[in-house]
PDB file of N, CA and C in Angstrom:
ATOM      1  N   MET A   1    -118.631 143.707  63.027  1.00  0.00           N
ATOM      2  CA  MET A   1    -119.356 144.953  62.784  1.00  0.00           C
ATOM      3  C   MET A   1    -119.625 145.646  64.107  1.00  0.00           C
ATOM      4  N   PRO A   2    -119.489 146.967  64.134  1.00  0.00           N
ATOM      5  CA  PRO A   2    -119.819 147.706  65.351  1.00  0.00           C
ATOM      6  C   PRO A   2    -121.313 147.616  65.653  1.00  0.00           C
ATOM      7  N   VAL A   3    -121.661 147.759  66.924  1.00  0.00           N
ATOM      8  CA  VAL A   3    -123.061 147.716  67.352  1.00  0.00           C
ATOM      9  C   VAL A   3    -123.473 149.110  67.793  1.00  0.00           C
ATOM     10  N   GLY A   4    -124.608 149.567  67.277  1.00  0.00           N
ATOM     11  CA  GLY A   4    -125.165 150.861  67.648  1.00  0.00           C
ATOM     12  C   GLY A   4    -126.604 150.701  68.089  1.00  0.00           C
ATOM     13  N   LYS A   5    -127.276 151.827  68.282  1.00  0.00           N
ATOM     14  CA  LYS A   5    -128.675 151.827  68.700  1.00  0.00           C
ATOM     15  C   LYS A   5    -129.488 152.675  67.735  1.00  0.00           C
ATOM     16  N   LEU A   6    -130.706 152.240  67.478  1.00  0.00           N
ATOM     17  CA  LEU A   6    -131.617 152.953  66.582  1.00  0.00           C
ATOM     18  C   LEU A   6    -132.769 153.505  67.396  1.00  0.00           C
ATOM     19  N   PHE A   7    -133.069 154.801  67.214  1.00  0.00           N
ATOM     20  CA  PHE A   7    -134.158 155.479  67.912  1.00  0.00           C
ATOM     21  C   PHE A   7    -135.076 156.141  66.897  1.00  0.00           C
ATOM     22  N   ARG A   8    -136.375 156.209  67.210  1.00  0.00           N
ATOM     23  CA  ARG A   8    -137.298 157.005  66.392  1.00  0.00           C
ATOM     24  C   ARG A   8    -136.960 158.477  66.616  1.00  0.00           C
ATOM     25  N   PHE A   9    -136.938 159.249  65.555  1.00  0.00           N
ATOM     26  CA  PHE A   9    -136.543 160.650  65.664  1.00  0.00           C
ATOM     27  C   PHE A   9    -137.562 161.466  66.441  1.00  0.00           C
ATOM     28  N   SER A  10    -138.845 161.259  66.191  1.00  0.00           N
ATOM     29  CA  SER A  10    -139.879 162.120  66.776  1.00  0.00           C
ATOM     30  C   SER A  10    -139.937 162.028  68.302  1.00  0.00           C
ATOM     31  N   GLU A  11    -139.790 160.828  68.871  1.00  0.00           N
ATOM     32  CA  GLU A  11    -139.897 160.690  70.327  1.00  0.00           C
ATOM     33  C   GLU A  11    -138.579 160.287  70.974  1.00  0.00           C
ATOM     34  N   GLU A  12    -137.541 160.075  70.189  1.00  0.00           N
ATOM     35  CA  GLU A  12    -136.280 159.511  70.664  1.00  0.00           C
ATOM     36  C   GLU A  12    -136.538 158.207  71.431  1.00  0.00           C
ATOM     37  N   GLN A  13    -137.478 157.403  70.916  1.00  0.00           N
ATOM     38  CA  GLN A  13    -137.836 156.119  71.508  1.00  0.00           C
ATOM     39  C   GLN A  13    -136.922 155.041  70.941  1.00  0.00           C
ATOM     40  N   PHE A  14    -136.349 154.205  71.822  1.00  0.00           N
ATOM     41  CA  PHE A  14    -135.468 153.126  71.394  1.00  0.00           C
ATOM     42  C   PHE A  14    -136.233 152.144  70.509  1.00  0.00           C
ATOM     43  N   VAL A  15    -135.614 151.751  69.384  1.00  0.00           N
ATOM     44  CA  VAL A  15    -136.232 150.802  68.457  1.00  0.00           C
ATOM     45  C   VAL A  15    -135.505 149.463  68.502  1.00  0.00           C
ATOM     46  N   ALA A  16    -134.174 149.480  68.332  1.00  0.00           N
ATOM     47  CA  ALA A  16    -133.431 148.218  68.271  1.00  0.00           C
ATOM     48  C   ALA A  16    -131.930 148.476  68.333  1.00  0.00           C
ATOM     49  N   ASN A  17    -131.195 147.450  68.731  1.00  0.00           N
ATOM     50  CA  ASN A  17    -129.744 147.452  68.559  1.00  0.00           C
ATOM     51  C   ASN A  17    -129.482 147.075  67.101  1.00  0.00           C
ATOM     52  N   VAL A  18    -128.443 147.654  66.522  1.00  0.00           N
ATOM     53  CA  VAL A  18    -128.151 147.426  65.105  1.00  0.00           C
ATOM     54  C   VAL A  18    -126.659 147.172  64.896  1.00  0.00           C
ATOM     55  N   ASN A  19    -126.353 146.366  63.915  1.00  0.00           N
ATOM     56  CA  ASN A  19    -124.989 146.265  63.402  1.00  0.00           C
ATOM     57  C   ASN A  19    -124.896 147.296  62.285  1.00  0.00           C
ATOM     58  N   TYR A  20    -123.802 148.045  62.242  1.00  0.00           N
ATOM     59  CA  TYR A  20    -123.691 149.073  61.208  1.00  0.00           C
ATOM     60  C   TYR A  20    -122.286 149.097  60.626  1.00  0.00           C
ATOM     61  N   ARG A  21    -122.203 149.718  59.461  1.00  0.00           N
ATOM     62  CA  ARG A  21    -120.925 149.919  58.780  1.00  0.00           C
ATOM     63  C   ARG A  21    -120.965 151.296  58.139  1.00  0.00           C
ATOM     64  N   LEU A  22    -119.989 152.141  58.469  1.00  0.00           N
ATOM     65  CA  LEU A  22    -119.896 153.452  57.839  1.00  0.00           C
ATOM     66  C   LEU A  22    -119.239 153.294  56.479  1.00  0.00           C
ATOM     67  N   LEU A  23    -119.852 153.876  55.449  1.00  0.00           N
ATOM     68  CA  LEU A  23    -119.322 153.806  54.097  1.00  0.00           C
ATOM     69  C   LEU A  23    -118.571 155.070  53.720  1.00  0.00           C
ATOM     70  N   ARG A  24    -119.036 156.204  54.253  1.00  0.00           N
ATOM     71  CA  ARG A  24    -118.412 157.489  53.938  1.00  0.00           C
ATOM     72  C   ARG A  24    -118.635 158.426  55.112  1.00  0.00           C
ATOM     73  N   GLU A  25    -117.601 159.166  55.466  1.00  0.00           N
ATOM     74  CA  GLU A  25    -117.709 160.086  56.598  1.00  0.00           C
ATOM     75  C   GLU A  25    -116.908 161.358  56.309  1.00  0.00           C
ATOM     76  N   THR A  26    -117.582 162.494  56.457  1.00  0.00           N
ATOM     77  CA  THR A  26    -116.940 163.799  56.362  1.00  0.00           C
ATOM     78  C   THR A  26    -117.316 164.558  57.635  1.00  0.00           C
ATOM     79  N   PRO A  27    -116.759 165.726  57.872  1.00  0.00           N
ATOM     80  CA  PRO A  27    -117.126 166.466  59.083  1.00  0.00           C
ATOM     81  C   PRO A  27    -118.619 166.811  59.187  1.00  0.00           C
ATOM     82  N   THR A  28    -119.325 166.874  58.069  1.00  0.00           N
ATOM     83  CA  THR A  28    -120.739 167.268  58.105  1.00  0.00           C
ATOM     84  C   THR A  28    -121.699 166.215  57.570  1.00  0.00           C
ATOM     85  N   HIS A  29    -121.216 165.034  57.188  1.00  0.00           N
ATOM     86  CA  HIS A  29    -122.076 164.051  56.530  1.00  0.00           C
ATOM     87  C   HIS A  29    -121.597 162.631  56.835  1.00  0.00           C
ATOM     88  N   LEU A  30    -122.542 161.737  57.077  1.00  0.00           N
ATOM     89  CA  LEU A  30    -122.251 160.314  57.263  1.00  0.00           C
ATOM     90  C   LEU A  30    -123.148 159.494  56.361  1.00  0.00           C
ATOM     91  N   CYS A  31    -122.635 158.389  55.878  1.00  0.00           N
ATOM     92  CA  CYS A  31    -123.407 157.464  55.059  1.00  0.00           C
ATOM     93  C   CYS A  31    -122.970 156.059  55.468  1.00  0.00           C
ATOM     94  N   GLY A  32    -123.932 155.143  55.591  1.00  0.00           N
ATOM     95  CA  GLY A  32    -123.576 153.790  55.965  1.00  0.00           C
ATOM     96  C   GLY A  32    -124.719 152.824  55.765  1.00  0.00           C
ATOM     97  N   GLU A  33    -124.533 151.611  56.271  1.00  0.00           N
ATOM     98  CA  GLU A  33    -125.551 150.562  56.208  1.00  0.00           C
ATOM     99  C   GLU A  33    -125.752 150.018  57.610  1.00  0.00           C
ATOM    100  N   LEU A  34    -126.988 149.602  57.899  1.00  0.00           N
ATOM    101  CA  LEU A  34    -127.258 148.977  59.192  1.00  0.00           C
ATOM    102  C   LEU A  34    -128.237 147.835  59.033  1.00  0.00           C
ATOM    103  N   VAL A  35    -128.153 146.891  59.975  1.00  0.00           N
ATOM    104  CA  VAL A  35    -129.072 145.753  60.037  1.00  0.00           C
ATOM    105  C   VAL A  35    -129.519 145.612  61.487  1.00  0.00           C
ATOM    106  N   PRO A  36    -130.831 145.693  61.753  1.00  0.00           N
ATOM    107  CA  PRO A  36    -131.295 145.470  63.125  1.00  0.00           C
ATOM    108  C   PRO A  36    -130.897 144.066  63.588  1.00  0.00           C
ATOM    109  N   ILE A  37    -130.417 143.955  64.825  1.00  0.00           N
ATOM    110  CA  ILE A  37    -129.992 142.658  65.355  1.00  0.00           C
ATOM    111  C   ILE A  37    -131.208 141.761  65.587  1.00  0.00           C
ATOM    112  N   GLU A  38    -132.288 142.335  66.116  1.00  0.00           N
ATOM    113  CA  GLU A  38    -133.518 141.574  66.310  1.00  0.00           C
ATOM    114  C   GLU A  38    -134.554 142.055  65.294  1.00  0.00           C
ATOM    115  N   TYR A  39    -135.580 141.245  65.055  1.00  0.00           N
ATOM    116  CA  TYR A  39    -136.609 141.624  64.092  1.00  0.00           C
ATOM    117  C   TYR A  39    -137.431 142.783  64.642  1.00  0.00           C
ATOM    118  N   VAL A  40    -137.490 143.865  63.904  1.00  0.00           N
ATOM    119  CA  VAL A  40    -138.346 145.013  64.233  1.00  0.00           C
ATOM    120  C   VAL A  40    -138.866 145.594  62.922  1.00  0.00           C
ATOM    121  N   ARG A  41    -139.995 146.263  63.006  1.00  0.00           N
ATOM    122  CA  ARG A  41    -140.513 146.978  61.828  1.00  0.00           C
ATOM    123  C   ARG A  41    -139.878 148.363  61.798  1.00  0.00           C
ATOM    124  N   VAL A  42    -139.261 148.675  60.683  1.00  0.00           N
ATOM    125  CA  VAL A  42    -138.635 149.978  60.477  1.00  0.00           C
ATOM    126  C   VAL A  42    -139.301 150.605  59.262  1.00  0.00           C
ATOM    127  N   SER A  43    -139.741 151.841  59.404  1.00  0.00           N
ATOM    128  CA  SER A  43    -140.425 152.527  58.302  1.00  0.00           C
ATOM    129  C   SER A  43    -139.413 152.985  57.260  1.00  0.00           C
ATOM    130  N   ASP A  44    -139.564 152.477  56.054  1.00  0.00           N
ATOM    131  CA  ASP A  44    -138.682 152.853  54.953  1.00  0.00           C
ATOM    132  C   ASP A  44    -138.871 154.331  54.630  1.00  0.00           C
ATOM    133  N   GLY A  45    -137.777 155.079  54.585  1.00  0.00           N
ATOM    134  CA  GLY A  45    -137.830 156.495  54.253  1.00  0.00           C
ATOM    135  C   GLY A  45    -138.074 157.406  55.441  1.00  0.00           C
ATOM    136  N   ALA A  46    -138.236 156.838  56.641  1.00  0.00           N
ATOM    137  CA  ALA A  46    -138.515 157.652  57.825  1.00  0.00           C
ATOM    138  C   ALA A  46    -137.226 158.177  58.460  1.00  0.00           C
ATOM    139  N   ASP A  47    -137.381 159.169  59.323  1.00  0.00           N
ATOM    140  CA  ASP A  47    -136.239 159.744  60.027  1.00  0.00           C
ATOM    141  C   ASP A  47    -136.010 159.027  61.349  1.00  0.00           C
ATOM    142  N   TYR A  48    -134.752 158.727  61.623  1.00  0.00           N
ATOM    143  CA  TYR A  48    -134.342 158.035  62.840  1.00  0.00           C
ATOM    144  C   TYR A  48    -133.079 158.687  63.382  1.00  0.00           C
ATOM    145  N   ILE A  49    -132.705 158.277  64.573  1.00  0.00           N
ATOM    146  CA  ILE A  49    -131.420 158.641  65.148  1.00  0.00           C
ATOM    147  C   ILE A  49    -130.635 157.352  65.316  1.00  0.00           C
ATOM    148  N   VAL A  50    -129.403 157.349  64.835  1.00  0.00           N
ATOM    149  CA  VAL A  50    -128.501 156.215  65.037  1.00  0.00           C
ATOM    150  C   VAL A  50    -127.433 156.672  66.025  1.00  0.00           C
ATOM    151  N   GLU A  51    -127.321 155.932  67.132  1.00  0.00           N
ATOM    152  CA  GLU A  51    -126.248 156.202  68.082  1.00  0.00           C
ATOM    153  C   GLU A  51    -125.122 155.227  67.783  1.00  0.00           C
ATOM    154  N   LEU A  52    -123.976 155.761  67.391  1.00  0.00           N
ATOM    155  CA  LEU A  52    -122.839 154.937  67.024  1.00  0.00           C
ATOM    156  C   LEU A  52    -122.126 154.421  68.266  1.00  0.00           C
ATOM    157  N   GLU A  53    -121.247 153.461  68.068  1.00  0.00           N
ATOM    158  CA  GLU A  53    -120.518 152.838  69.164  1.00  0.00           C
ATOM    159  C   GLU A  53    -119.699 153.854  69.966  1.00  0.00           C
ATOM    160  N   ASP A  54    -119.249 154.926  69.309  1.00  0.00           N
ATOM    161  CA  ASP A  54    -118.463 155.958  69.998  1.00  0.00           C
ATOM    162  C   ASP A  54    -119.348 157.048  70.616  1.00  0.00           C
ATOM    163  N   SER A  55    -120.645 156.786  70.750  1.00  0.00           N
ATOM    164  CA  SER A  55    -121.657 157.650  71.383  1.00  0.00           C
ATOM    165  C   SER A  55    -122.095 158.845  70.539  1.00  0.00           C
ATOM    166  N   ARG A  56    -121.610 158.983  69.301  1.00  0.00           N
ATOM    167  CA  ARG A  56    -122.121 160.051  68.422  1.00  0.00           C
ATOM    168  C   ARG A  56    -123.542 159.691  68.011  1.00  0.00           C
ATOM    169  N   LYS A  57    -124.406 160.701  67.947  1.00  0.00           N
ATOM    170  CA  LYS A  57    -125.788 160.506  67.504  1.00  0.00           C
ATOM    171  C   LYS A  57    -125.971 161.221  66.175  1.00  0.00           C
ATOM    172  N   ILE A  58    -126.529 160.503  65.218  1.00  0.00           N
ATOM    173  CA  ILE A  58    -126.713 161.020  63.863  1.00  0.00           C
ATOM    174  C   ILE A  58    -128.195 160.993  63.512  1.00  0.00           C
ATOM    175  N   GLN A  59    -128.748 162.144  63.145  1.00  0.00           N
ATOM    176  CA  GLN A  59    -130.107 162.170  62.608  1.00  0.00           C
ATOM    177  C   GLN A  59    -130.007 161.723  61.165  1.00  0.00           C
ATOM    178  N   CYS A  60    -130.787 160.692  60.801  1.00  0.00           N
ATOM    179  CA  CYS A  60    -130.640 160.160  59.447  1.00  0.00           C
ATOM    180  C   CYS A  60    -131.960 159.658  58.895  1.00  0.00           C
ATOM    181  N   ASN A  61    -131.929 159.385  57.621  1.00  0.00           N
ATOM    182  CA  ASN A  61    -133.049 158.837  56.880  1.00  0.00           C
ATOM    183  C   ASN A  61    -132.674 157.424  56.476  1.00  0.00           C
ATOM    184  N   LEU A  62    -133.588 156.460  56.674  1.00  0.00           N
ATOM    185  CA  LEU A  62    -133.312 155.061  56.333  1.00  0.00           C
ATOM    186  C   LEU A  62    -134.018 154.670  55.047  1.00  0.00           C
ATOM    187  N   LYS A  63    -133.320 153.959  54.193  1.00  0.00           N
ATOM    188  CA  LYS A  63    -133.887 153.415  52.952  1.00  0.00           C
ATOM    189  C   LYS A  63    -133.601 151.922  52.909  1.00  0.00           C
ATOM    190  N   LYS A  64    -134.660 151.120  52.702  1.00  0.00           N
ATOM    191  CA  LYS A  64    -134.506 149.668  52.623  1.00  0.00           C
ATOM    192  C   LYS A  64    -133.604 149.324  51.448  1.00  0.00           C
ATOM    193  N   ASN A  65    -132.645 148.430  51.692  1.00  0.00           N
ATOM    194  CA  ASN A  65    -131.660 148.121  50.667  1.00  0.00           C
ATOM    195  C   ASN A  65    -131.755 146.665  50.215  1.00  0.00           C
ATOM    196  N   VAL A  66    -131.572 145.701  51.109  1.00  0.00           N
ATOM    197  CA  VAL A  66    -131.518 144.291  50.729  1.00  0.00           C
ATOM    198  C   VAL A  66    -132.298 143.462  51.727  1.00  0.00           C
ATOM    199  N   ASN A  67    -133.078 142.502  51.239  1.00  0.00           N
ATOM    200  CA  ASN A  67    -133.803 141.577  52.107  1.00  0.00           C
ATOM    201  C   ASN A  67    -132.863 140.458  52.510  1.00  0.00           C
ATOM    202  N   LEU A  68    -132.630 140.325  53.816  1.00  0.00           N
ATOM    203  CA  LEU A  68    -131.783 139.256  54.322  1.00  0.00           C
ATOM    204  C   LEU A  68    -132.626 138.106  54.861  1.00  0.00           C
ATOM    205  N   GLY A  69    -133.902 138.070  54.491  1.00  0.00           N
ATOM    206  CA  GLY A  69    -134.828 137.098  55.041  1.00  0.00           C
ATOM    207  C   GLY A  69    -134.524 135.671  54.638  1.00  0.00           C
ATOM    208  N   VAL A  70    -134.942 134.775  55.493  1.00  0.00           N
ATOM    209  CA  VAL A  70    -134.836 133.345  55.244  1.00  0.00           C
ATOM    210  C   VAL A  70    -136.261 132.819  55.248  1.00  0.00           C
ATOM    211  N   ILE A  71    -136.579 131.892  54.347  1.00  0.00           N
ATOM    212  CA  ILE A  71    -137.941 131.363  54.255  1.00  0.00           C
ATOM    213  C   ILE A  71    -138.370 130.811  55.610  1.00  0.00           C
ATOM    214  N   GLY A  72    -139.586 131.194  56.046  1.00  0.00           N
ATOM    215  CA  GLY A  72    -140.132 130.707  57.303  1.00  0.00           C
ATOM    216  C   GLY A  72    -139.770 131.554  58.509  1.00  0.00           C
ATOM    217  N   MET A  73    -138.979 132.591  58.315  1.00  0.00           N
ATOM    218  CA  MET A  73    -138.612 133.468  59.432  1.00  0.00           C
ATOM    219  C   MET A  73    -139.056 134.885  59.099  1.00  0.00           C
ATOM    220  N   PRO A  74    -139.229 135.745  60.105  1.00  0.00           N
ATOM    221  CA  PRO A  74    -139.541 137.140  59.757  1.00  0.00           C
ATOM    222  C   PRO A  74    -138.408 137.727  58.921  1.00  0.00           C
ATOM    223  N   PRO A  75    -138.739 138.541  57.932  1.00  0.00           N
ATOM    224  CA  PRO A  75    -137.691 139.111  57.073  1.00  0.00           C
ATOM    225  C   PRO A  75    -136.832 140.117  57.827  1.00  0.00           C
ATOM    226  N   ARG A  76    -135.542 140.099  57.543  1.00  0.00           N
ATOM    227  CA  ARG A  76    -134.612 141.106  58.066  1.00  0.00           C
ATOM    228  C   ARG A  76    -134.081 141.861  56.862  1.00  0.00           C
ATOM    229  N   PHE A  77    -133.934 143.167  57.022  1.00  0.00           N
ATOM    230  CA  PHE A  77    -133.483 144.000  55.921  1.00  0.00           C
ATOM    231  C   PHE A  77    -132.213 144.741  56.292  1.00  0.00           C
ATOM    232  N   LYS A  78    -131.429 145.022  55.289  1.00  0.00           N
ATOM    233  CA  LYS A  78    -130.290 145.920  55.425  1.00  0.00           C
ATOM    234  C   LYS A  78    -130.801 147.282  54.977  1.00  0.00           C
ATOM    235  N   TYR A  79    -130.470 148.324  55.735  1.00  0.00           N
ATOM    236  CA  TYR A  79    -130.907 149.676  55.417  1.00  0.00           C
ATOM    237  C   TYR A  79    -129.701 150.559  55.151  1.00  0.00           C
ATOM    238  N   ARG A  80    -129.840 151.442  54.187  1.00  0.00           N
ATOM    239  CA  ARG A  80    -128.824 152.459  53.914  1.00  0.00           C
ATOM    240  C   ARG A  80    -129.236 153.691  54.699  1.00  0.00           C
ATOM    241  N   PHE A  81    -128.304 154.313  55.403  1.00  0.00           N
ATOM    242  CA  PHE A  81    -128.632 155.546  56.105  1.00  0.00           C
ATOM    243  C   PHE A  81    -127.703 156.671  55.661  1.00  0.00           C
ATOM    244  N   THR A  82    -128.281 157.854  55.595  1.00  0.00           N
ATOM    245  CA  THR A  82    -127.515 159.066  55.298  1.00  0.00           C
ATOM    246  C   THR A  82    -127.940 160.117  56.311  1.00  0.00           C
ATOM    247  N   GLY A  83    -126.981 160.856  56.807  1.00  0.00           N
ATOM    248  CA  GLY A  83    -127.295 161.881  57.800  1.00  0.00           C
ATOM    249  C   GLY A  83    -126.324 163.032  57.704  1.00  0.00           C
ATOM    250  N   ALA A  84    -126.842 164.196  58.023  1.00  0.00           N
ATOM    251  CA  ALA A  84    -125.996 165.388  58.075  1.00  0.00           C
ATOM    252  C   ALA A  84    -125.661 165.677  59.529  1.00  0.00           C
ATOM    253  N   THR A  85    -124.647 166.362  59.796  1.00  0.00           N
ATOM    254  CA  THR A  85    -124.183 166.816  61.096  1.00  0.00           C
ATOM    255  C   THR A  85    -124.582 165.952  62.296  1.00  0.00           C
ATOM    256  N   PRO A  86    -123.597 165.535  63.053  1.00  0.00           N
ATOM    257  CA  PRO A  86    -123.887 164.800  64.299  1.00  0.00           C
ATOM    258  C   PRO A  86    -124.709 165.646  65.266  1.00  0.00           C
ATOM    259  N   LEU A  87    -125.595 165.009  66.044  1.00  0.00           N
ATOM    260  CA  LEU A  87    -126.424 165.730  67.007  1.00  0.00           C
ATOM    261  C   LEU A  87    -125.625 166.138  68.238  1.00  0.00           C
ATOM    262  N   ALA A  88    -124.693 165.294  68.676  1.00  0.00           N
ATOM    263  CA  ALA A  88    -123.812 165.625  69.819  1.00  0.00           C
ATOM    264  C   ALA A  88    -122.908 164.461  70.127  1.00  0.00           C
TER     265      ALA A  88
END
């Protein structure tokens, strides 16, 4: 899986490195899934910026999809992201 970076949209503050997979891509729209590599709290439904491996930045909304947690460890989630137009 490619590795990208997740930033908070409001401050462009780095949140975590993520593994991601693009599910659908058009010139004006991207849709995919991501999993933070390390445990971090991500606000479900909040706006973020995902920087892809090829340096494209996408403003997107994250929705919690699947709990990848293991008993006794902090839970890890897979998130679905959708975004319109690349930022640059």
